[in-house]
PDB file of N, CA and C in Angstrom:
ATOM      1  N   MET A   1      95.798  97.217  91.240  1.00  0.00           N
ATOM      2  CA  MET A   1      95.838  98.576  91.932  1.00  0.00           C
ATOM      3  C   MET A   1      95.318  99.605  90.976  1.00  0.00           C
ATOM      4  N   GLN A   2      94.722 100.637  91.603  1.00  0.00           N
ATOM      5  CA  GLN A   2      94.107 101.733  90.745  1.00  0.00           C
ATOM      6  C   GLN A   2      95.248 102.708  90.476  1.00  0.00           C
ATOM      7  N   VAL A   3      95.375 103.140  89.209  1.00  0.00           N
ATOM      8  CA  VAL A   3      96.284 104.178  88.679  1.00  0.00           C
ATOM      9  C   VAL A   3      95.505 105.323  88.207  1.00  0.00           C
ATOM     10  N   GLN A   4      95.840 106.522  88.759  1.00  0.00           N
ATOM     11  CA  GLN A   4      95.166 107.778  88.274  1.00  0.00           C
ATOM     12  C   GLN A   4      96.317 108.694  87.620  1.00  0.00           C
ATOM     13  N   VAL A   5      96.037 109.067  86.419  1.00  0.00           N
ATOM     14  CA  VAL A   5      97.002 109.913  85.713  1.00  0.00           C
ATOM     15  C   VAL A   5      96.530 111.313  85.639  1.00  0.00           C
ATOM     16  N   ASN A   6      97.336 112.290  86.168  1.00  0.00           N
ATOM     17  CA  ASN A   6      96.953 113.684  86.072  1.00  0.00           C
ATOM     18  C   ASN A   6      97.935 114.390  85.265  1.00  0.00           C
ATOM     19  N   ALA A   7      97.483 114.981  84.182  1.00  0.00           N
ATOM     20  CA  ALA A   7      98.401 115.701  83.255  1.00  0.00           C
ATOM     21  C   ALA A   7      98.348 117.178  83.524  1.00  0.00           C
ATOM     22  N   GLY A   8      99.472 117.869  83.708  1.00  0.00           N
ATOM     23  CA  GLY A   8      99.420 119.245  84.002  1.00  0.00           C
ATOM     24  C   GLY A   8      99.917 120.052  82.747  1.00  0.00           C
ATOM     25  N   ASP A   9     100.529 121.163  83.051  1.00  0.00           N
ATOM     26  CA  ASP A   9     100.897 122.138  82.002  1.00  0.00           C
ATOM     27  C   ASP A   9     101.757 121.416  80.918  1.00  0.00           C
ATOM     28  N   GLY A  10     101.284 121.672  79.603  1.00  0.00           N
ATOM     29  CA  GLY A  10     102.092 121.126  78.533  1.00  0.00           C
ATOM     30  C   GLY A  10     101.980 119.662  78.229  1.00  0.00           C
ATOM     31  N   ILE A  11     101.219 118.892  79.029  1.00  0.00           N
ATOM     32  CA  ILE A  11     101.092 117.434  78.796  1.00  0.00           C
ATOM     33  C   ILE A  11      99.673 117.169  78.346  1.00  0.00           C
ATOM     34  N   GLU A  12      99.492 116.385  77.207  1.00  0.00           N
ATOM     35  CA  GLU A  12      98.156 116.007  76.818  1.00  0.00           C
ATOM     36  C   GLU A  12      97.775 114.587  77.382  1.00  0.00           C
ATOM     37  N   SER A  13      96.759 114.594  78.237  1.00  0.00           N
ATOM     38  CA  SER A  13      96.392 113.379  78.748  1.00  0.00           C
ATOM     39  C   SER A  13      95.382 112.639  77.768  1.00  0.00           C
ATOM     40  N   THR A  14      95.849 111.491  77.242  1.00  0.00           N
ATOM     41  CA  THR A  14      95.130 110.756  76.287  1.00  0.00           C
ATOM     42  C   THR A  14      94.810 109.388  76.918  1.00  0.00           C
ATOM     43  N   GLU A  15      93.765 108.741  76.338  1.00  0.00           N
ATOM     44  CA  GLU A  15      93.401 107.365  76.866  1.00  0.00           C
ATOM     45  C   GLU A  15      94.563 106.392  76.689  1.00  0.00           C
ATOM     46  N   ALA A  16      95.310 106.531  75.558  1.00  0.00           N
ATOM     47  CA  ALA A  16      96.465 105.678  75.298  1.00  0.00           C
ATOM     48  C   ALA A  16      97.520 105.812  76.410  1.00  0.00           C
ATOM     49  N   LEU A  17      97.836 107.115  76.852  1.00  0.00           N
ATOM     50  CA  LEU A  17      98.769 107.360  77.844  1.00  0.00           C
ATOM     51  C   LEU A  17      98.298 106.758  79.229  1.00  0.00           C
ATOM     52  N   GLU A  18      97.077 106.938  79.531  1.00  0.00           N
ATOM     53  CA  GLU A  18      96.516 106.412  80.721  1.00  0.00           C
ATOM     54  C   GLU A  18      96.563 104.857  80.804  1.00  0.00           C
ATOM     55  N   ARG A  19      96.257 104.216  79.668  1.00  0.00           N
ATOM     56  CA  ARG A  19      96.252 102.773  79.540  1.00  0.00           C
ATOM     57  C   ARG A  19      97.708 102.310  79.687  1.00  0.00           C
ATOM     58  N   TRP A  20      98.609 102.985  79.014  1.00  0.00           N
ATOM     59  CA  TRP A  20      99.993 102.483  79.096  1.00  0.00           C
ATOM     60  C   TRP A  20     100.551 102.663  80.503  1.00  0.00           C
ATOM     61  N   ALA A  21     100.280 103.855  81.172  1.00  0.00           N
ATOM     62  CA  ALA A  21     100.727 104.047  82.520  1.00  0.00           C
ATOM     63  C   ALA A  21     100.210 103.027  83.524  1.00  0.00           C
ATOM     64  N   ASN A  22      98.890 102.784  83.322  1.00  0.00           N
ATOM     65  CA  ASN A  22      98.304 101.732  84.130  1.00  0.00           C
ATOM     66  C   ASN A  22      99.014 100.413  83.967  1.00  0.00           C
ATOM     67  N   ASP A  23      99.129  99.968  82.741  1.00  0.00           N
ATOM     68  CA  ASP A  23      99.698  98.658  82.525  1.00  0.00           C
ATOM     69  C   ASP A  23     101.178  98.593  82.991  1.00  0.00           C
ATOM     70  N   TYR A  24     101.869  99.626  82.687  1.00  0.00           N
ATOM     71  CA  TYR A  24     103.330  99.668  83.089  1.00  0.00           C
ATOM     72  C   TYR A  24     103.513  99.691  84.511  1.00  0.00           C
ATOM     73  N   LEU A  25     102.731 100.462  85.223  1.00  0.00           N
ATOM     74  CA  LEU A  25     102.938 100.535  86.672  1.00  0.00           C
ATOM     75  C   LEU A  25     102.404  99.320  87.369  1.00  0.00           C
ATOM     76  N   ASN A  26     101.298  98.696  86.936  1.00  0.00           N
ATOM     77  CA  ASN A  26     100.858  97.464  87.562  1.00  0.00           C
ATOM     78  C   ASN A  26     101.821  96.283  87.397  1.00  0.00           C
ATOM     79  N   GLU A  27     102.543  96.277  86.272  1.00  0.00           N
ATOM     80  CA  GLU A  27     103.595  95.298  86.016  1.00  0.00           C
ATOM     81  C   GLU A  27     104.804  95.547  86.830  1.00  0.00           C
ATOM     82  N   ALA A  28     105.264  96.791  86.778  1.00  0.00           N
ATOM     83  CA  ALA A  28     106.573  97.107  87.455  1.00  0.00           C
ATOM     84  C   ALA A  28     106.396  96.935  88.962  1.00  0.00           C
ATOM     85  N   LEU A  29     105.251  97.333  89.523  1.00  0.00           N
ATOM     86  CA  LEU A  29     105.096  97.338  90.955  1.00  0.00           C
ATOM     87  C   LEU A  29     104.242  96.139  91.438  1.00  0.00           C
ATOM     88  N   ALA A  30     104.171  94.989  90.653  1.00  0.00           N
ATOM     89  CA  ALA A  30     103.480  93.860  90.914  1.00  0.00           C
ATOM     90  C   ALA A  30     103.750  93.172  92.294  1.00  0.00           C
ATOM     91  N   ARG A  31     104.942  93.185  92.650  1.00  0.00           N
ATOM     92  CA  ARG A  31     105.383  92.616  93.906  1.00  0.00           C
ATOM     93  C   ARG A  31     104.861  93.265  95.168  1.00  0.00           C
ATOM     94  N   PHE A  32     104.400  94.527  94.988  1.00  0.00           N
ATOM     95  CA  PHE A  32     103.869  95.312  96.032  1.00  0.00           C
ATOM     96  C   PHE A  32     102.307  95.421  95.943  1.00  0.00           C
ATOM     97  N   ARG A  33     101.722  94.649  95.088  1.00  0.00           N
ATOM     98  CA  ARG A  33     100.305  94.726  94.788  1.00  0.00           C
ATOM     99  C   ARG A  33      99.445  94.672  96.070  1.00  0.00           C
ATOM    100  N   GLN A  34      99.850  93.774  97.008  1.00  0.00           N
ATOM    101  CA  GLN A  34      99.030  93.586  98.215  1.00  0.00           C
ATOM    102  C   GLN A  34      99.144  94.780  99.152  1.00  0.00           C
ATOM    103  N   ASP A  35     100.216  95.550  99.020  1.00  0.00           N
ATOM    104  CA  ASP A  35     100.402  96.683  99.891  1.00  0.00           C
ATOM    105  C   ASP A  35      99.907  98.057  99.332  1.00  0.00           C
ATOM    106  N   ILE A  36      99.951  98.165  98.080  1.00  0.00           N
ATOM    107  CA  ILE A  36      99.543  99.423  97.426  1.00  0.00           C
ATOM    108  C   ILE A  36      98.027  99.467  97.067  1.00  0.00           C
ATOM    109  N   THR A  37      97.404 100.486  97.505  1.00  0.00           N
ATOM    110  CA  THR A  37      95.915 100.601  97.108  1.00  0.00           C
ATOM    111  C   THR A  37      95.734 101.409  95.900  1.00  0.00           C
ATOM    112  N   GLY A  38      96.647 102.380  95.643  1.00  0.00           N
ATOM    113  CA  GLY A  38      96.547 103.161  94.490  1.00  0.00           C
ATOM    114  C   GLY A  38      97.835 103.973  94.203  1.00  0.00           C
ATOM    115  N   ILE A  39      97.954 104.361  92.945  1.00  0.00           N
ATOM    116  CA  ILE A  39      99.097 105.144  92.470  1.00  0.00           C
ATOM    117  C   ILE A  39      98.511 106.421  91.747  1.00  0.00           C
ATOM    118  N   GLU A  40      99.104 107.569  92.054  1.00  0.00           N
ATOM    119  CA  GLU A  40      98.645 108.837  91.400  1.00  0.00           C
ATOM    120  C   GLU A  40      99.975 109.240  90.564  1.00  0.00           C
ATOM    121  N   VAL A  41      99.756 109.445  89.294  1.00  0.00           N
ATOM    122  CA  VAL A  41     100.814 109.908  88.439  1.00  0.00           C
ATOM    123  C   VAL A  41     100.510 111.339  88.125  1.00  0.00           C
ATOM    124  N   GLN A  42     101.533 112.284  88.422  1.00  0.00           N
ATOM    125  CA  GLN A  42     101.431 113.654  88.037  1.00  0.00           C
ATOM    126  C   GLN A  42     102.375 113.981  86.971  1.00  0.00           C
ATOM    127  N   LEU A  43     102.037 114.369  85.827  1.00  0.00           N
ATOM    128  CA  LEU A  43     102.932 114.685  84.744  1.00  0.00           C
ATOM    129  C   LEU A  43     102.884 116.152  84.521  1.00  0.00           C
ATOM    130  N   LYS A  44     104.058 116.760  84.217  1.00  0.00           N
ATOM    131  CA  LYS A  44     104.057 118.220  83.952  1.00  0.00           C
ATOM    132  C   LYS A  44     105.213 118.528  83.113  1.00  0.00           C
ATOM    133  N   ASP A  45     105.034 119.510  82.160  1.00  0.00           N
ATOM    134  CA  ASP A  45     106.090 120.005  81.323  1.00  0.00           C
ATOM    135  C   ASP A  45     106.647 121.255  81.982  1.00  0.00           C
ATOM    136  N   GLU A  46     107.816 121.150  82.592  1.00  0.00           N
ATOM    137  CA  GLU A  46     108.336 122.251  83.318  1.00  0.00           C
ATOM    138  C   GLU A  46     108.560 123.505  82.512  1.00  0.00           C
ATOM    139  N   ASN A  47     108.942 123.339  81.287  1.00  0.00           N
ATOM    140  CA  ASN A  47     109.192 124.499  80.367  1.00  0.00           C
ATOM    141  C   ASN A  47     108.094 124.573  79.309  1.00  0.00           C
ATOM    142  N   SER A  48     106.939 124.558  79.714  1.00  0.00           N
ATOM    143  CA  SER A  48     105.767 124.446  78.793  1.00  0.00           C
ATOM    144  C   SER A  48     105.965 125.387  77.647  1.00  0.00           C
ATOM    145  N   GLY A  49     105.898 124.910  76.429  1.00  0.00           N
ATOM    146  CA  GLY A  49     105.993 125.625  75.206  1.00  0.00           C
ATOM    147  C   GLY A  49     107.466 125.781  74.726  1.00  0.00           C
ATOM    148  N   LYS A  50     108.373 125.593  75.561  1.00  0.00           N
ATOM    149  CA  LYS A  50     109.882 125.682  75.226  1.00  0.00           C
ATOM    150  C   LYS A  50     110.355 124.260  75.279  1.00  0.00           C
ATOM    151  N   SER A  51     111.413 124.038  74.486  1.00  0.00           N
ATOM    152  CA  SER A  51     112.082 122.734  74.679  1.00  0.00           C
ATOM    153  C   SER A  51     113.388 122.926  75.450  1.00  0.00           C
ATOM    154  N   GLY A  52     113.759 121.865  76.118  1.00  0.00           N
ATOM    155  CA  GLY A  52     114.905 121.920  76.906  1.00  0.00           C
ATOM    156  C   GLY A  52     115.231 120.545  77.487  1.00  0.00           C
ATOM    157  N   PRO A  53     116.473 120.384  78.024  1.00  0.00           N
ATOM    158  CA  PRO A  53     116.752 119.035  78.519  1.00  0.00           C
ATOM    159  C   PRO A  53     116.076 118.819  79.933  1.00  0.00           C
ATOM    160  N   ALA A  54     115.566 117.534  80.081  1.00  0.00           N
ATOM    161  CA  ALA A  54     114.915 117.157  81.340  1.00  0.00           C
ATOM    162  C   ALA A  54     113.821 118.159  81.789  1.00  0.00           C
ATOM    163  N   ASP A  55     112.913 118.440  80.822  1.00  0.00           N
ATOM    164  CA  ASP A  55     111.868 119.375  81.177  1.00  0.00           C
ATOM    165  C   ASP A  55     110.543 118.667  81.472  1.00  0.00           C
ATOM    166  N   LYS A  56     110.423 117.335  81.330  1.00  0.00           N
ATOM    167  CA  LYS A  56     109.175 116.586  81.653  1.00  0.00           C
ATOM    168  C   LYS A  56     109.409 116.010  83.003  1.00  0.00           C
ATOM    169  N   ARG A  57     108.348 116.307  83.888  1.00  0.00           N
ATOM    170  CA  ARG A  57     108.532 115.861  85.339  1.00  0.00           C
ATOM    171  C   ARG A  57     107.388 114.825  85.508  1.00  0.00           C
ATOM    172  N   CYS A  58     107.700 113.742  86.204  1.00  0.00           N
ATOM    173  CA  CYS A  58     106.690 112.833  86.704  1.00  0.00           C
ATOM    174  C   CYS A  58     106.883 112.665  88.228  1.00  0.00           C
ATOM    175  N   LEU A  59     105.819 112.789  88.986  1.00  0.00           N
ATOM    176  CA  LEU A  59     105.742 112.549  90.325  1.00  0.00           C
ATOM    177  C   LEU A  59     104.781 111.417  90.563  1.00  0.00           C
ATOM    178  N   LEU A  60     105.321 110.368  91.196  1.00  0.00           N
ATOM    179  CA  LEU A  60     104.439 109.229  91.542  1.00  0.00           C
ATOM    180  C   LEU A  60     104.165 109.163  93.015  1.00  0.00           C
ATOM    181  N   GLU A  61     102.915 109.011  93.466  1.00  0.00           N
ATOM    182  CA  GLU A  61     102.545 108.930  94.841  1.00  0.00           C
ATOM    183  C   GLU A  61     101.795 107.603  95.035  1.00  0.00           C
ATOM    184  N   ALA A  62     102.387 106.703  95.823  1.00  0.00           N
ATOM    185  CA  ALA A  62     101.837 105.433  96.053  1.00  0.00           C
ATOM    186  C   ALA A  62     101.168 105.505  97.411  1.00  0.00           C
ATOM    187  N   ARG A  63      99.832 105.066  97.438  1.00  0.00           N
ATOM    188  CA  ARG A  63      99.147 104.951  98.693  1.00  0.00           C
ATOM    189  C   ARG A  63      99.239 103.554  99.190  1.00  0.00           C
ATOM    190  N   VAL A  64      99.829 103.367 100.320  1.00  0.00           N
ATOM    191  CA  VAL A  64     100.143 102.087 100.906  1.00  0.00           C
ATOM    192  C   VAL A  64      99.244 101.930 102.152  1.00  0.00           C
ATOM    193  N   THR A  65      98.716 100.790 102.256  1.00  0.00           N
ATOM    194  CA  THR A  65      97.816 100.410 103.443  1.00  0.00           C
ATOM    195  C   THR A  65      98.528 100.655 104.752  1.00  0.00           C
ATOM    196  N   GLY A  66      97.952 101.527 105.617  1.00  0.00           N
ATOM    197  CA  GLY A  66      98.448 101.704 106.967  1.00  0.00           C
ATOM    198  C   GLY A  66      99.748 102.576 106.996  1.00  0.00           C
ATOM    199  N   GLN A  67     100.093 103.243 105.890  1.00  0.00           N
ATOM    200  CA  GLN A  67     101.324 104.035 105.838  1.00  0.00           C
ATOM    201  C   GLN A  67     100.946 105.410 105.295  1.00  0.00           C
ATOM    202  N   ASP A  68     101.923 106.300 105.515  1.00  0.00           N
ATOM    203  CA  ASP A  68     101.893 107.668 104.681  1.00  0.00           C
ATOM    204  C   ASP A  68     102.127 107.348 103.236  1.00  0.00           C
ATOM    205  N   PRO A  69     101.614 108.241 102.373  1.00  0.00           N
ATOM    206  CA  PRO A  69     101.958 108.045 101.013  1.00  0.00           C
ATOM    207  C   PRO A  69     103.442 108.026 100.733  1.00  0.00           C
ATOM    208  N   MET A  70     103.925 107.263  99.714  1.00  0.00           N
ATOM    209  CA  MET A  70     105.287 107.216  99.370  1.00  0.00           C
ATOM    210  C   MET A  70     105.455 107.913  98.008  1.00  0.00           C
ATOM    211  N   VAL A  71     106.410 108.746  97.925  1.00  0.00           N
ATOM    212  CA  VAL A  71     106.543 109.618  96.685  1.00  0.00           C
ATOM    213  C   VAL A  71     107.886 109.434  96.015  1.00  0.00           C
ATOM    214  N   ALA A  72     107.881 109.494  94.759  1.00  0.00           N
ATOM    215  CA  ALA A  72     109.255 109.573  93.901  1.00  0.00           C
ATOM    216  C   ALA A  72     108.958 110.499  92.804  1.00  0.00           C
ATOM    217  N   GLU A  73     110.011 111.159  92.346  1.00  0.00           N
ATOM    218  CA  GLU A  73     109.934 112.127  91.281  1.00  0.00           C
ATOM    219  C   GLU A  73     111.181 112.020  90.300  1.00  0.00           C
ATOM    220  N   HIS A  74     110.845 112.172  89.098  1.00  0.00           N
ATOM    221  CA  HIS A  74     111.937 112.101  88.101  1.00  0.00           C
ATOM    222  C   HIS A  74     111.695 113.084  87.020  1.00  0.00           C
ATOM    223  N   ARG A  75     112.764 113.815  86.493  1.00  0.00           N
ATOM    224  CA  ARG A  75     112.713 114.682  85.303  1.00  0.00           C
ATOM    225  C   ARG A  75     113.438 113.998  84.218  1.00  0.00           C
ATOM    226  N   ALA A  76     112.964 114.185  83.017  1.00  0.00           N
ATOM    227  CA  ALA A  76     113.627 113.502  81.790  1.00  0.00           C
ATOM    228  C   ALA A  76     113.232 114.332  80.547  1.00  0.00           C
ATOM    229  N   GLU A  77     113.713 113.862  79.423  1.00  0.00           N
ATOM    230  CA  GLU A  77     113.559 114.566  78.196  1.00  0.00           C
ATOM    231  C   GLU A  77     112.053 114.366  77.622  1.00  0.00           C
ATOM    232  N   ASN A  78     111.506 113.233  77.988  1.00  0.00           N
ATOM    233  CA  ASN A  78     110.185 112.910  77.544  1.00  0.00           C
ATOM    234  C   ASN A  78     109.410 112.215  78.616  1.00  0.00           C
ATOM    235  N   GLN A  79     108.122 112.225  78.454  1.00  0.00           N
ATOM    236  CA  GLN A  79     107.229 111.689  79.567  1.00  0.00           C
ATOM    237  C   GLN A  79     107.417 110.137  79.791  1.00  0.00           C
ATOM    238  N   ASP A  80     107.693 109.406  78.764  1.00  0.00           N
ATOM    239  CA  ASP A  80     107.965 108.064  78.953  1.00  0.00           C
ATOM    240  C   ASP A  80     109.139 107.821  79.871  1.00  0.00           C
ATOM    241  N   MET A  81     110.287 108.483  79.621  1.00  0.00           N
ATOM    242  CA  MET A  81     111.510 108.346  80.435  1.00  0.00           C
ATOM    243  C   MET A  81     111.228 108.893  81.833  1.00  0.00           C
ATOM    244  N   ALA A  82     110.382 109.876  81.940  1.00  0.00           N
ATOM    245  CA  ALA A  82     110.051 110.419  83.173  1.00  0.00           C
ATOM    246  C   ALA A  82     109.391 109.464  84.086  1.00  0.00           C
ATOM    247  N   ILE A  83     108.345 108.768  83.480  1.00  0.00           N
ATOM    248  CA  ILE A  83     107.569 107.742  84.271  1.00  0.00           C
ATOM    249  C   ILE A  83     108.405 106.659  84.666  1.00  0.00           C
ATOM    250  N   ARG A  84     109.267 106.140  83.724  1.00  0.00           N
ATOM    251  CA  ARG A  84     110.078 105.030  84.018  1.00  0.00           C
ATOM    252  C   ARG A  84     111.111 105.301  85.098  1.00  0.00           C
ATOM    253  N   GLY A  85     111.698 106.482  85.024  1.00  0.00           N
ATOM    254  CA  GLY A  85     112.661 106.936  86.042  1.00  0.00           C
ATOM    255  C   GLY A  85     112.004 107.062  87.477  1.00  0.00           C
ATOM    256  N   ALA A  86     110.813 107.684  87.528  1.00  0.00           N
ATOM    257  CA  ALA A  86     110.159 107.809  88.765  1.00  0.00           C
ATOM    258  C   ALA A  86     109.694 106.447  89.304  1.00  0.00           C
ATOM    259  N   THR A  87     109.371 105.512  88.383  1.00  0.00           N
ATOM    260  CA  THR A  87     108.998 104.207  88.810  1.00  0.00           C
ATOM    261  C   THR A  87     110.176 103.503  89.507  1.00  0.00           C
ATOM    262  N   GLN A  88     111.378 103.598  88.923  1.00  0.00           N
ATOM    263  CA  GLN A  88     112.527 102.965  89.483  1.00  0.00           C
ATOM    264  C   GLN A  88     112.819 103.574  90.840  1.00  0.00           C
ATOM    265  N   LYS A  89     112.741 104.893  91.052  1.00  0.00           N
ATOM    266  CA  LYS A  89     112.918 105.510  92.299  1.00  0.00           C
ATOM    267  C   LYS A  89     111.816 105.058  93.272  1.00  0.00           C
ATOM    268  N   LEU A  90     110.605 104.906  92.871  1.00  0.00           N
ATOM    269  CA  LEU A  90     109.586 104.525  93.773  1.00  0.00           C
ATOM    270  C   LEU A  90     109.779 103.079  94.254  1.00  0.00           C
ATOM    271  N   LEU A  91     110.332 102.202  93.364  1.00  0.00           N
ATOM    272  CA  LEU A  91     110.586 100.888  93.744  1.00  0.00           C
ATOM    273  C   LEU A  91     111.626 100.852  94.915  1.00  0.00           C
ATOM    274  N   LYS A  92     112.646 101.665  94.828  1.00  0.00           N
ATOM    275  CA  LYS A  92     113.682 101.806  95.826  1.00  0.00           C
ATOM    276  C   LYS A  92     113.038 102.246  97.184  1.00  0.00           C
ATOM    277  N   VAL A  93     112.194 103.279  97.129  1.00  0.00           N
ATOM    278  CA  VAL A  93     111.456 103.818  98.331  1.00  0.00           C
ATOM    279  C   VAL A  93     110.641 102.665  98.983  1.00  0.00           C
ATOM    280  N   LEU A  94     109.829 101.999  98.126  1.00  0.00           N
ATOM    281  CA  LEU A  94     109.015 100.851  98.617  1.00  0.00           C
ATOM    282  C   LEU A  94     109.867  99.768  99.240  1.00  0.00           C
ATOM    283  N   ASP A  95     110.898  99.401  98.583  1.00  0.00           N
ATOM    284  CA  ASP A  95     111.814  98.331  99.093  1.00  0.00           C
ATOM    285  C   ASP A  95     112.400  98.778 100.402  1.00  0.00           C
ATOM    286  N   HIS A  96     112.809  99.945 100.527  1.00  0.00           N
ATOM    287  CA  HIS A  96     113.419 100.452 101.764  1.00  0.00           C
ATOM    288  C   HIS A  96     112.420 100.507 102.904  1.00  0.00           C
ATOM    289  N   ARG A  97     111.316 101.211 102.690  1.00  0.00           N
ATOM    290  CA  ARG A  97     110.374 101.475 103.825  1.00  0.00           C
ATOM    291  C   ARG A  97     109.579 100.170 104.146  1.00  0.00           C
ATOM    292  N   LEU A  98     109.124  99.464 103.105  1.00  0.00           N
ATOM    293  CA  LEU A  98     108.282  98.205 103.481  1.00  0.00           C
ATOM    294  C   LEU A  98     109.315  97.094 103.926  1.00  0.00           C
ATOM    295  N   GLY A  99     110.511  97.074 103.480  1.00  0.00           N
ATOM    296  CA  GLY A  99     111.522  96.176 103.968  1.00  0.00           C
ATOM    297  C   GLY A  99     111.870  96.402 105.433  1.00  0.00           C
ATOM    298  N   LYS A 100     111.906  97.708 105.809  1.00  0.00           N
ATOM    299  CA  LYS A 100     112.192  98.031 107.273  1.00  0.00           C
ATOM    300  C   LYS A 100     111.012  97.485 108.192  1.00  0.00           C
ATOM    301  N   LEU A 101     109.804  97.661 107.687  1.00  0.00           N
ATOM    302  CA  LEU A 101     108.622  97.247 108.441  1.00  0.00           C
ATOM    303  C   LEU A 101     108.635  95.730 108.503  1.00  0.00           C
ATOM    304  N   GLU A 102     109.020  95.051 107.401  1.00  0.00           N
ATOM    305  CA  GLU A 102     109.003  93.547 107.455  1.00  0.00           C
ATOM    306  C   GLU A 102     110.172  93.099 108.445  1.00  0.00           C
ATOM    307  N   ARG A 103     111.256  93.748 108.461  1.00  0.00           N
ATOM    308  CA  ARG A 103     112.387  93.379 109.296  1.00  0.00           C
ATOM    309  C   ARG A 103     111.913  93.565 110.743  1.00  0.00           C
ATOM    310  N   ARG A 104     111.291  94.638 111.071  1.00  0.00           N
ATOM    311  CA  ARG A 104     110.824  94.902 112.424  1.00  0.00           C
ATOM    312  C   ARG A 104     109.842  93.827 112.889  1.00  0.00           C
ATOM    313  N   GLY A 105     109.016  93.439 112.003  1.00  0.00           N
ATOM    314  CA  GLY A 105     108.044  92.347 112.309  1.00  0.00           C
ATOM    315  C   GLY A 105     108.696  91.038 112.627  1.00  0.00           C
ATOM    316  N   ASN A 106     109.777  90.761 112.098  1.00  0.00           N
ATOM    317  CA  ASN A 106     110.593  89.486 112.372  1.00  0.00           C
ATOM    318  C   ASN A 106     111.190  89.438 113.702  1.00  0.00           C
ATOM    319  N   HIS A 107     111.175  90.494 114.460  1.00  0.00           N
ATOM    320  CA  HIS A 107     111.864  90.514 115.815  1.00  0.00           C
ATOM    321  C   HIS A 107     110.871  90.232 116.929  1.00  0.00           C
ATOM    322  N   ASP A 108     109.812  89.467 116.706  1.00  0.00           N
ATOM    323  CA  ASP A 108     108.867  89.132 117.682  1.00  0.00           C
ATOM    324  C   ASP A 108     109.180  87.896 118.419  1.00  0.00           C
ATOM    325  N   ARG A 109     110.435  87.330 118.228  1.00  0.00           N
ATOM    326  CA  ARG A 109     110.742  86.027 118.872  1.00  0.00           C
ATOM    327  C   ARG A 109     111.012  86.307 120.312  1.00  0.00           C
ATOM    328  N   GLU A 110     110.944  85.204 121.068  1.00  0.00           N
ATOM    329  CA  GLU A 110     111.184  85.295 122.524  1.00  0.00           C
ATOM    330  C   GLU A 110     112.668  85.399 122.708  1.00  0.00           C
ATOM    331  N   THR A 111     113.062  86.189 123.770  1.00  0.00           N
ATOM    332  CA  THR A 111     114.389  86.217 124.192  1.00  0.00           C
ATOM    333  C   THR A 111     114.483  86.206 125.707  1.00  0.00           C
ATOM    334  N   ILE A 112     115.573  85.980 126.337  1.00  0.00           N
ATOM    335  CA  ILE A 112     115.634  85.999 127.685  1.00  0.00           C
ATOM    336  C   ILE A 112     115.369  87.393 128.314  1.00  0.00           C
ATOM    337  N   ARG A 113     115.603  88.386 127.578  1.00  0.00           N
ATOM    338  CA  ARG A 113     115.422  89.781 128.006  1.00  0.00           C
ATOM    339  C   ARG A 113     113.822  89.996 128.171  1.00  0.00           C
ATOM    340  N   LYS A 114     113.071  89.404 127.271  1.00  0.00           N
ATOM    341  CA  LYS A 114     111.587  89.669 127.353  1.00  0.00           C
ATOM    342  C   LYS A 114     110.957  88.733 128.494  1.00  0.00           C
ATOM    343  N   THR A 115     111.487  87.528 128.626  1.00  0.00           N
ATOM    344  CA  THR A 115     110.828  86.624 129.589  1.00  0.00           C
ATOM    345  C   THR A 115     111.359  86.751 130.935  1.00  0.00           C
ATOM    346  N   GLY A 116     112.656  87.185 131.011  1.00  0.00           N
ATOM    347  CA  GLY A 116     113.265  87.273 132.355  1.00  0.00           C
ATOM    348  C   GLY A 116     113.685  86.013 133.019  1.00  0.00           C
ATOM    349  N   SER A 117     113.389  84.922 132.285  1.00  0.00           N
ATOM    350  CA  SER A 117     113.792  83.601 132.831  1.00  0.00           C
ATOM    351  C   SER A 117     115.334  83.269 132.559  1.00  0.00           C
ATOM    352  N   PRO A 118     116.000  82.683 133.566  1.00  0.00           N
ATOM    353  CA  PRO A 118     117.437  82.362 133.304  1.00  0.00           C
ATOM    354  C   PRO A 118     117.561  81.244 132.382  1.00  0.00           C
ATOM    355  N   LEU A 119     118.781  81.128 131.742  1.00  0.00           N
ATOM    356  CA  LEU A 119     119.134  80.069 130.903  1.00  0.00           C
ATOM    357  C   LEU A 119     119.318  78.806 131.775  1.00  0.00           C
ATOM    358  N   VAL A 120     118.944  77.674 131.224  1.00  0.00           N
ATOM    359  CA  VAL A 120     119.178  76.441 132.000  1.00  0.00           C
ATOM    360  C   VAL A 120     120.348  75.736 131.392  1.00  0.00           C
TER     361      VAL A 120
END
């Protein structure tokens, strides 16, 4: 799946960061590989220039085939922890939303209500 990293205020986008994010997200989200067409990573330093607790923000947007984008956000002390936290939240969102779709798809079996035929 394609991973695009966008660095905002106070975050330096390097080739190493992009490579790490690509490898990490492809591994962490591997079980959804067939559903996800792309991931957008948005990194930002909320208190650019000042230090403070949980001032690095990561927003992940997963583009899923046939669905609206699924989003998760996490704030942490550094960008590594922010990406990891947002990834864990995104996994929960994907499990929940795609799991619901899968469960709905399993209800296509025949019942007497659908066929209208009496039980013998």
